[in-house]
C-alpha atoms as a PDB file:
ATOM      1  CA  MET A   1      17.061  32.742 -61.660  1.00  0.00           C
ATOM      2  CA  ILE A   2      15.180  33.993 -58.596  1.00  0.00           C
ATOM      3  CA  PHE A   3      13.513  31.662 -56.137  1.00  0.00           C
ATOM      4  CA  THR A   4      10.673  32.872 -53.936  1.00  0.00           C
ATOM      5  CA  PHE A   5       9.817  31.009 -50.717  1.00  0.00           C
ATOM      6  CA  TYR A   6       6.390  31.133 -49.133  1.00  0.00           C
ATOM      7  CA  ALA A   7       5.936  29.795 -45.614  1.00  0.00           C
ATOM      8  CA  SER A   8       2.574  29.131 -44.110  1.00  0.00           C
ATOM      9  CA  ALA A   9       2.244  30.148 -40.470  1.00  0.00           C
ATOM     10  CA  ASN A  10       0.483  26.861 -39.816  1.00  0.00           C
ATOM     11  CA  ILE A  11       3.665  24.922 -40.519  1.00  0.00           C
ATOM     12  CA  PHE A  12       5.343  26.524 -37.518  1.00  0.00           C
ATOM     13  CA  THR A  13       2.397  26.239 -35.161  1.00  0.00           C
ATOM     14  CA  GLN A  14       3.498  24.262 -32.141  1.00  0.00           C
ATOM     15  CA  VAL A  15       1.196  21.446 -31.127  1.00  0.00           C
ATOM     16  CA  GLU A  16       0.047  22.073 -27.585  1.00  0.00           C
ATOM     17  CA  LYS A  17       0.771  19.239 -25.177  1.00  0.00           C
ATOM     18  CA  PRO A  18      -2.149  17.691 -23.301  1.00  0.00           C
ATOM     19  CA  THR A  19      -2.975  18.987 -19.846  1.00  0.00           C
ATOM     20  CA  ILE A  20      -2.055  16.613 -17.014  1.00  0.00           C
ATOM     21  CA  TYR A  21      -4.545  16.195 -14.174  1.00  0.00           C
ATOM     22  CA  LEU A  22      -3.128  14.792 -10.933  1.00  0.00           C
ATOM     23  CA  LEU A  23      -5.231  12.760  -8.487  1.00  0.00           C
ATOM     24  CA  PRO A  24      -3.555  12.050  -5.118  1.00  0.00           C
ATOM     25  CA  GLY A  25      -4.165   9.228  -2.663  1.00  0.00           C
ATOM     26  CA  GLN A  26      -6.531   9.036   0.259  1.00  0.00           C
ATOM     27  CA  GLY A  27      -4.061  10.398   2.826  1.00  0.00           C
ATOM     28  CA  ALA A  28      -2.300  12.784   0.460  1.00  0.00           C
ATOM     29  CA  ASP A  29      -2.689  15.970  -1.572  1.00  0.00           C
ATOM     30  CA  HIS A  30      -0.810  17.805  -4.347  1.00  0.00           C
ATOM     31  CA  ARG A  31       2.448  17.494  -2.362  1.00  0.00           C
ATOM     32  CA  LEU A  32       2.554  13.802  -3.257  1.00  0.00           C
ATOM     33  CA  PHE A  33       3.552  14.831  -6.805  1.00  0.00           C
ATOM     34  CA  SER A  34       5.889  17.651  -5.756  1.00  0.00           C
ATOM     35  CA  LYS A  35       9.072  15.915  -6.970  1.00  0.00           C
ATOM     36  CA  LEU A  36       7.745  14.922 -10.374  1.00  0.00           C
ATOM     37  CA  LYS A  37       8.583  16.926 -13.488  1.00  0.00           C
ATOM     38  CA  PHE A  38       6.192  17.197 -16.406  1.00  0.00           C
ATOM     39  CA  GLN A  39       8.287  19.337 -18.792  1.00  0.00           C
ATOM     40  CA  ASP A  40       6.108  21.893 -20.530  1.00  0.00           C
ATOM     41  CA  HIS A  41       2.765  20.200 -19.867  1.00  0.00           C
ATOM     42  CA  LYS A  42       0.156  22.267 -18.098  1.00  0.00           C
ATOM     43  CA  VAL A  43      -0.533  20.549 -14.757  1.00  0.00           C
ATOM     44  CA  VAL A  44      -3.750  20.760 -12.718  1.00  0.00           C
ATOM     45  CA  ASP A  45      -4.200  19.312  -9.226  1.00  0.00           C
ATOM     46  CA  ILE A  46      -7.639  17.764  -8.685  1.00  0.00           C
ATOM     47  CA  LYS A  47      -9.087  18.974  -5.372  1.00  0.00           C
ATOM     48  CA  TYR A  48     -11.034  16.480  -3.270  1.00  0.00           C
ATOM     49  CA  HIS A  49     -14.180  17.541  -1.452  1.00  0.00           C
ATOM     50  CA  ILE A  50     -15.697  15.484   1.352  1.00  0.00           C
ATOM     51  CA  PRO A  51     -17.890  12.810  -0.254  1.00  0.00           C
ATOM     52  CA  LYS A  52     -21.410  12.655   1.120  1.00  0.00           C
ATOM     53  CA  ASP A  53     -22.491   9.564   3.020  1.00  0.00           C
ATOM     54  CA  GLY A  54     -23.350   6.808   0.564  1.00  0.00           C
ATOM     55  CA  THR A  55     -21.353   8.253  -2.334  1.00  0.00           C
ATOM     56  CA  ASN A  56     -19.637   5.459  -4.267  1.00  0.00           C
ATOM     57  CA  MET A  57     -16.392   5.566  -6.222  1.00  0.00           C
ATOM     58  CA  ALA A  58     -18.043   6.051  -9.622  1.00  0.00           C
ATOM     59  CA  ASP A  59     -20.249   8.890  -8.389  1.00  0.00           C
ATOM     60  CA  TYR A  60     -17.342  10.619  -6.676  1.00  0.00           C
ATOM     61  CA  ALA A  61     -15.221  10.351  -9.836  1.00  0.00           C
ATOM     62  CA  PHE A  62     -18.053  11.929 -11.825  1.00  0.00           C
ATOM     63  CA  GLN A  63     -18.318  14.799  -9.332  1.00  0.00           C
ATOM     64  CA  LEU A  64     -14.562  15.462  -9.455  1.00  0.00           C
ATOM     65  CA  SER A  65     -14.555  15.373 -13.261  1.00  0.00           C
ATOM     66  CA  SER A  66     -16.141  18.845 -13.298  1.00  0.00           C
ATOM     67  CA  GLN A  67     -12.592  20.133 -12.683  1.00  0.00           C
ATOM     68  CA  ILE A  68     -11.431  18.665 -16.019  1.00  0.00           C
ATOM     69  CA  ASP A  69     -11.663  20.547 -19.300  1.00  0.00           C
ATOM     70  CA  SER A  70     -12.568  17.658 -21.583  1.00  0.00           C
ATOM     71  CA  THR A  71     -12.747  19.916 -24.653  1.00  0.00           C
ATOM     72  CA  GLU A  72      -8.933  19.798 -24.775  1.00  0.00           C
ATOM     73  CA  ASN A  73      -6.533  16.860 -24.837  1.00  0.00           C
ATOM     74  CA  PHE A  74      -5.671  15.663 -21.365  1.00  0.00           C
ATOM     75  CA  ILE A  75      -3.938  12.925 -19.374  1.00  0.00           C
ATOM     76  CA  LEU A  76      -4.933  11.510 -15.975  1.00  0.00           C
ATOM     77  CA  ILE A  77      -2.253  10.503 -13.459  1.00  0.00           C
ATOM     78  CA  GLY A  78      -3.513   9.045 -10.182  1.00  0.00           C
ATOM     79  CA  ALA A  79      -1.846   7.483  -7.158  1.00  0.00           C
ATOM     80  CA  SER A  80      -3.555   4.985  -4.839  1.00  0.00           C
ATOM     81  CA  LEU A  81      -7.170   6.214  -4.399  1.00  0.00           C
ATOM     82  CA  GLY A  82      -6.469   8.722  -7.181  1.00  0.00           C
ATOM     83  CA  GLY A  83      -5.643   5.884  -9.550  1.00  0.00           C
ATOM     84  CA  MET A  84      -8.954   4.175  -8.805  1.00  0.00           C
ATOM     85  CA  LEU A  85     -10.777   7.445  -9.474  1.00  0.00           C
ATOM     86  CA  ALA A  86      -8.836   7.887 -12.733  1.00  0.00           C
ATOM     87  CA  CYS A  87      -9.945   4.399 -13.832  1.00  0.00           C
ATOM     88  CA  GLU A  88     -13.562   5.361 -13.139  1.00  0.00           C
ATOM     89  CA  MET A  89     -13.171   8.644 -15.064  1.00  0.00           C
ATOM     90  CA  ASN A  90     -11.797   6.688 -17.988  1.00  0.00           C
ATOM     91  CA  GLU A  91     -15.231   5.064 -18.311  1.00  0.00           C
ATOM     92  CA  PHE A  92     -16.989   8.308 -19.269  1.00  0.00           C
ATOM     93  CA  LEU A  93     -14.231  10.729 -20.314  1.00  0.00           C
ATOM     94  CA  ASN A  94     -11.814  10.408 -23.218  1.00  0.00           C
ATOM     95  CA  PRO A  95      -8.315  10.955 -21.812  1.00  0.00           C
ATOM     96  CA  GLU A  96      -5.297  10.622 -24.073  1.00  0.00           C
ATOM     97  CA  LYS A  97      -3.640   8.447 -21.425  1.00  0.00           C
ATOM     98  CA  VAL A  98      -4.398   7.146 -17.945  1.00  0.00           C
ATOM     99  CA  ILE A  99      -1.401   6.423 -15.729  1.00  0.00           C
ATOM    100  CA  ILE A 100      -1.854   4.985 -12.246  1.00  0.00           C
ATOM    101  CA  ILE A 101       0.773   4.514  -9.541  1.00  0.00           C
ATOM    102  CA  SER A 102       0.529   2.228  -6.481  1.00  0.00           C
ATOM    103  CA  SER A 103      -3.132   1.675  -7.202  1.00  0.00           C
ATOM    104  CA  ALA A 104      -5.731  -0.791  -8.478  1.00  0.00           C
ATOM    105  CA  LYS A 105      -7.624  -0.844 -11.780  1.00  0.00           C
ATOM    106  CA  CYS A 106     -10.568  -2.843 -10.363  1.00  0.00           C
ATOM    107  CA  ASN A 107     -11.639  -4.403  -7.083  1.00  0.00           C
ATOM    108  CA  LYS A 108      -9.936  -7.717  -7.929  1.00  0.00           C
ATOM    109  CA  GLU A 109      -6.566  -5.999  -7.537  1.00  0.00           C
ATOM    110  CA  LEU A 110      -7.358  -4.909  -3.990  1.00  0.00           C
ATOM    111  CA  PRO A 111      -6.099  -7.072  -1.082  1.00  0.00           C
ATOM    112  CA  ARG A 112      -8.354  -9.739   0.408  1.00  0.00           C
ATOM    113  CA  ARG A 113      -8.877  -7.792   3.625  1.00  0.00           C
ATOM    114  CA  TYR A 114     -11.140  -5.410   1.700  1.00  0.00           C
ATOM    115  CA  ASN A 115     -13.355  -8.281   0.567  1.00  0.00           C
ATOM    116  CA  PHE A 116     -13.469  -9.496   4.162  1.00  0.00           C
ATOM    117  CA  GLN A 117     -14.578  -6.059   5.371  1.00  0.00           C
ATOM    118  CA  LYS A 118     -17.189  -5.903   2.628  1.00  0.00           C
ATOM    119  CA  LYS A 119     -18.745  -9.089   4.075  1.00  0.00           C
ATOM    120  CA  PHE A 120     -18.131  -8.105   7.684  1.00  0.00           C
ATOM    121  CA  PRO A 121     -18.277  -4.261   7.680  1.00  0.00           C
ATOM    122  CA  ILE A 122     -16.404  -3.611  10.916  1.00  0.00           C
ATOM    123  CA  TYR A 123     -15.142  -0.352   9.390  1.00  0.00           C
ATOM    124  CA  LYS A 124     -18.598   1.170   9.841  1.00  0.00           C
ATOM    125  CA  LEU A 125     -18.049   1.133  13.610  1.00  0.00           C
ATOM    126  CA  ILE A 126     -14.797   3.096  13.363  1.00  0.00           C
ATOM    127  CA  GLY A 127     -15.009   6.885  13.343  1.00  0.00           C
ATOM    128  CA  GLY A 128     -13.061   9.149  11.015  1.00  0.00           C
ATOM    129  CA  GLY A 129     -10.867  10.455  13.820  1.00  0.00           C
ATOM    130  CA  ILE A 130      -9.743   6.942  14.744  1.00  0.00           C
ATOM    131  CA  THR A 131      -9.194   6.135  11.072  1.00  0.00           C
ATOM    132  CA  LYS A 132      -6.932   9.167  10.754  1.00  0.00           C
ATOM    133  CA  ILE A 133      -4.974   8.386  13.946  1.00  0.00           C
ATOM    134  CA  GLY A 134      -4.640   4.761  12.862  1.00  0.00           C
ATOM    135  CA  ALA A 135      -3.195   5.839   9.520  1.00  0.00           C
ATOM    136  CA  LEU A 136      -0.656   8.100  11.261  1.00  0.00           C
ATOM    137  CA  ILE A 137       0.453   5.199  13.483  1.00  0.00           C
ATOM    138  CA  LEU A 138       0.351   2.355  10.962  1.00  0.00           C
ATOM    139  CA  GLN A 139       1.647   4.111   7.840  1.00  0.00           C
ATOM    140  CA  PRO A 140       5.351   4.141   8.889  1.00  0.00           C
ATOM    141  CA  ILE A 141       5.073   0.532  10.086  1.00  0.00           C
ATOM    142  CA  VAL A 142       3.309  -0.896   7.042  1.00  0.00           C
ATOM    143  CA  GLU A 143       5.254   1.230   4.525  1.00  0.00           C
ATOM    144  CA  PRO A 144       8.648   2.020   6.174  1.00  0.00           C
ATOM    145  CA  ASP A 145       9.946   3.493   2.911  1.00  0.00           C
ATOM    146  CA  ARG A 146       7.692   6.448   3.722  1.00  0.00           C
ATOM    147  CA  ASN A 147      10.185   7.558   6.394  1.00  0.00           C
ATOM    148  CA  LYS A 148      12.407   9.003   3.650  1.00  0.00           C
ATOM    149  CA  GLU A 149       9.826  11.752   3.325  1.00  0.00           C
ATOM    150  CA  LYS A 150       8.108  11.346   6.688  1.00  0.00           C
ATOM    151  CA  GLU A 151       7.466  15.032   7.398  1.00  0.00           C
ATOM    152  CA  ILE A 152       5.558  15.490   4.137  1.00  0.00           C
ATOM    153  CA  PHE A 153       3.547  12.302   4.663  1.00  0.00           C
ATOM    154  CA  LYS A 154       2.718  13.232   8.266  1.00  0.00           C
ATOM    155  CA  SER A 155       1.707  16.737   7.245  1.00  0.00           C
ATOM    156  CA  MET A 156      -0.529  15.519   4.408  1.00  0.00           C
ATOM    157  CA  LEU A 157      -2.313  13.067   6.705  1.00  0.00           C
ATOM    158  CA  ARG A 158      -2.787  15.624   9.467  1.00  0.00           C
ATOM    159  CA  ASP A 159      -4.397  18.016   6.986  1.00  0.00           C
ATOM    160  CA  LYS A 160      -7.013  15.449   5.949  1.00  0.00           C
ATOM    161  CA  ASP A 161     -10.559  15.871   7.185  1.00  0.00           C
ATOM    162  CA  LYS A 162     -11.622  12.953   9.399  1.00  0.00           C
ATOM    163  CA  LYS A 163     -14.950  12.558   7.588  1.00  0.00           C
ATOM    164  CA  PHE A 164     -13.128  12.396   4.264  1.00  0.00           C
ATOM    165  CA  MET A 165     -10.952   9.604   5.686  1.00  0.00           C
ATOM    166  CA  LYS A 166     -13.961   7.608   6.909  1.00  0.00           C
ATOM    167  CA  ASN A 167     -16.020   7.994   3.736  1.00  0.00           C
ATOM    168  CA  SER A 168     -13.100   7.298   1.402  1.00  0.00           C
ATOM    169  CA  VAL A 169     -12.329   4.070   3.279  1.00  0.00           C
ATOM    170  CA  ARG A 170     -15.933   3.008   2.684  1.00  0.00           C
ATOM    171  CA  MET A 171     -15.699   3.905  -1.022  1.00  0.00           C
ATOM    172  CA  ILE A 172     -12.613   1.713  -1.466  1.00  0.00           C
ATOM    173  CA  ILE A 173     -14.046  -1.260   0.458  1.00  0.00           C
ATOM    174  CA  GLU A 174     -17.353  -1.093  -1.427  1.00  0.00           C
ATOM    175  CA  TRP A 175     -15.775  -0.447  -4.854  1.00  0.00           C
ATOM    176  CA  ASP A 176     -17.631  -2.648  -7.335  1.00  0.00           C
ATOM    177  CA  LYS A 177     -15.576  -2.148 -10.506  1.00  0.00           C
ATOM    178  CA  THR A 178     -14.856  -5.586 -12.005  1.00  0.00           C
ATOM    179  CA  HIS A 179     -13.254  -4.668 -15.353  1.00  0.00           C
ATOM    180  CA  TYR A 180     -10.819  -2.123 -16.746  1.00  0.00           C
ATOM    181  CA  ASP A 181      -9.457  -0.728 -19.991  1.00  0.00           C
ATOM    182  CA  ASP A 182      -6.258  -2.504 -21.082  1.00  0.00           C
ATOM    183  CA  SER A 183      -4.787   0.821 -22.201  1.00  0.00           C
ATOM    184  CA  ILE A 184      -4.435   2.024 -18.583  1.00  0.00           C
ATOM    185  CA  ILE A 185      -0.728   2.214 -17.707  1.00  0.00           C
ATOM    186  CA  HIS A 186       0.124   0.834 -14.268  1.00  0.00           C
ATOM    187  CA  ILE A 187       3.296   1.510 -12.233  1.00  0.00           C
ATOM    188  CA  HIS A 188       3.717  -0.497  -9.029  1.00  0.00           C
ATOM    189  CA  GLY A 189       6.317  -1.341  -6.396  1.00  0.00           C
ATOM    190  CA  ASN A 190       7.003  -4.962  -5.525  1.00  0.00           C
ATOM    191  CA  GLU A 191       7.135  -4.156  -1.796  1.00  0.00           C
ATOM    192  CA  ASP A 192       3.805  -2.356  -1.684  1.00  0.00           C
ATOM    193  CA  ASN A 193       2.132  -3.627   1.482  1.00  0.00           C
ATOM    194  CA  THR A 194      -1.025  -1.526   1.074  1.00  0.00           C
ATOM    195  CA  ILE A 195      -1.927  -2.945  -2.349  1.00  0.00           C
ATOM    196  CA  PRO A 196       0.297  -6.059  -2.659  1.00  0.00           C
ATOM    197  CA  ILE A 197       1.625  -6.697  -6.128  1.00  0.00           C
ATOM    198  CA  LYS A 198       0.536 -10.360  -6.243  1.00  0.00           C
ATOM    199  CA  ASN A 199      -2.954  -9.366  -7.414  1.00  0.00           C
ATOM    200  CA  VAL A 200      -1.835  -6.527  -9.689  1.00  0.00           C
ATOM    201  CA  ASP A 201      -1.423  -6.651 -13.450  1.00  0.00           C
ATOM    202  CA  TYR A 202       1.285  -3.977 -13.815  1.00  0.00           C
ATOM    203  CA  HIS A 203       3.285  -2.579 -16.738  1.00  0.00           C
ATOM    204  CA  TYR A 204       6.255  -1.030 -14.927  1.00  0.00           C
ATOM    205  CA  LEU A 205       7.847  -2.420 -11.780  1.00  0.00           C
ATOM    206  CA  ILE A 206       9.756  -0.373  -9.201  1.00  0.00           C
ATOM    207  CA  GLU A 207      12.112  -2.801  -7.478  1.00  0.00           C
ATOM    208  CA  ASN A 208      11.930  -2.611  -3.663  1.00  0.00           C
ATOM    209  CA  GLY A 209       9.288   0.085  -4.089  1.00  0.00           C
ATOM    210  CA  SER A 210       6.616   0.627  -1.449  1.00  0.00           C
ATOM    211  CA  HIS A 211       3.146   2.166  -1.690  1.00  0.00           C
ATOM    212  CA  MET A 212       4.832   5.577  -1.419  1.00  0.00           C
ATOM    213  CA  ILE A 213       6.972   5.461  -4.580  1.00  0.00           C
ATOM    214  CA  THR A 214       5.361   8.558  -6.110  1.00  0.00           C
ATOM    215  CA  LEU A 215       7.338  10.623  -3.597  1.00  0.00           C
ATOM    216  CA  THR A 216      10.088   8.332  -2.296  1.00  0.00           C
ATOM    217  CA  ARG A 217      11.226   7.048  -5.725  1.00  0.00           C
ATOM    218  CA  ALA A 218      10.438  10.174  -7.720  1.00  0.00           C
ATOM    219  CA  GLU A 219      13.546  10.012  -9.912  1.00  0.00           C
ATOM    220  CA  GLU A 220      12.637   6.569 -11.241  1.00  0.00           C
ATOM    221  CA  ILE A 221       8.990   7.557 -11.671  1.00  0.00           C
ATOM    222  CA  ASN A 222      10.148  10.664 -13.546  1.00  0.00           C
ATOM    223  CA  ASN A 223      12.182   8.552 -15.971  1.00  0.00           C
ATOM    224  CA  LEU A 224       9.212   6.287 -16.623  1.00  0.00           C
ATOM    225  CA  LEU A 225       6.837   9.208 -17.126  1.00  0.00           C
ATOM    226  CA  LEU A 226       9.272  10.850 -19.540  1.00  0.00           C
ATOM    227  CA  ASP A 227       9.156   7.720 -21.675  1.00  0.00           C
ATOM    228  CA  ILE A 228       5.368   7.195 -21.356  1.00  0.00           C
ATOM    229  CA  LEU A 229       4.446  10.813 -22.071  1.00  0.00           C
ATOM    230  CA  SER A 230       6.705  11.039 -25.119  1.00  0.00           C
ATOM    231  CA  ASN A 231       5.063   8.041 -26.839  1.00  0.00           C
END
């Protein structure tokens, strides 16, 4: 007896993994994600332009979304400001997953000092240059964990345009998002002094992790992402 086997090429077609789009924080760029591994996913770094005066978070997210090919499956991963932008993009795009790190899903997760500045907008009197210098001075004090990778953090901040710094501060303070999608996956450190964990509804906790965990605790973040991306 002779058996004949027919194999369809479609059976062996490998399913392409979704593209990952990375959104860095206010004082960072693509180097923030430099220690993370995404296996065989295609990875695209979202580039930030200087938001025009008066641009809000939702509008800025919409402008940046032109860099995303929404005709294919994709995942958004954002840190700090990038996480807030990813949450806004989730409102009008259809990502497979949204993962945010050291961030906030709505304005209620931001610290009280932002609400204070919304009522008393002292920040409007501070120029972008001073904002940038202040970040360089205060960052290692507020988030000492950053000193593990201090040269990268200093370099990223120095490369930031002062107008971008000023306008992005305004966008965060004036952020009016009051709700969020429960499917958004949130990773946070319990020693984050920039966005304190007490107001955050997180899914994964990094013990003793600061606001800088994307870079300073990359191995642990990698392990979490491996699990999240495989499910």
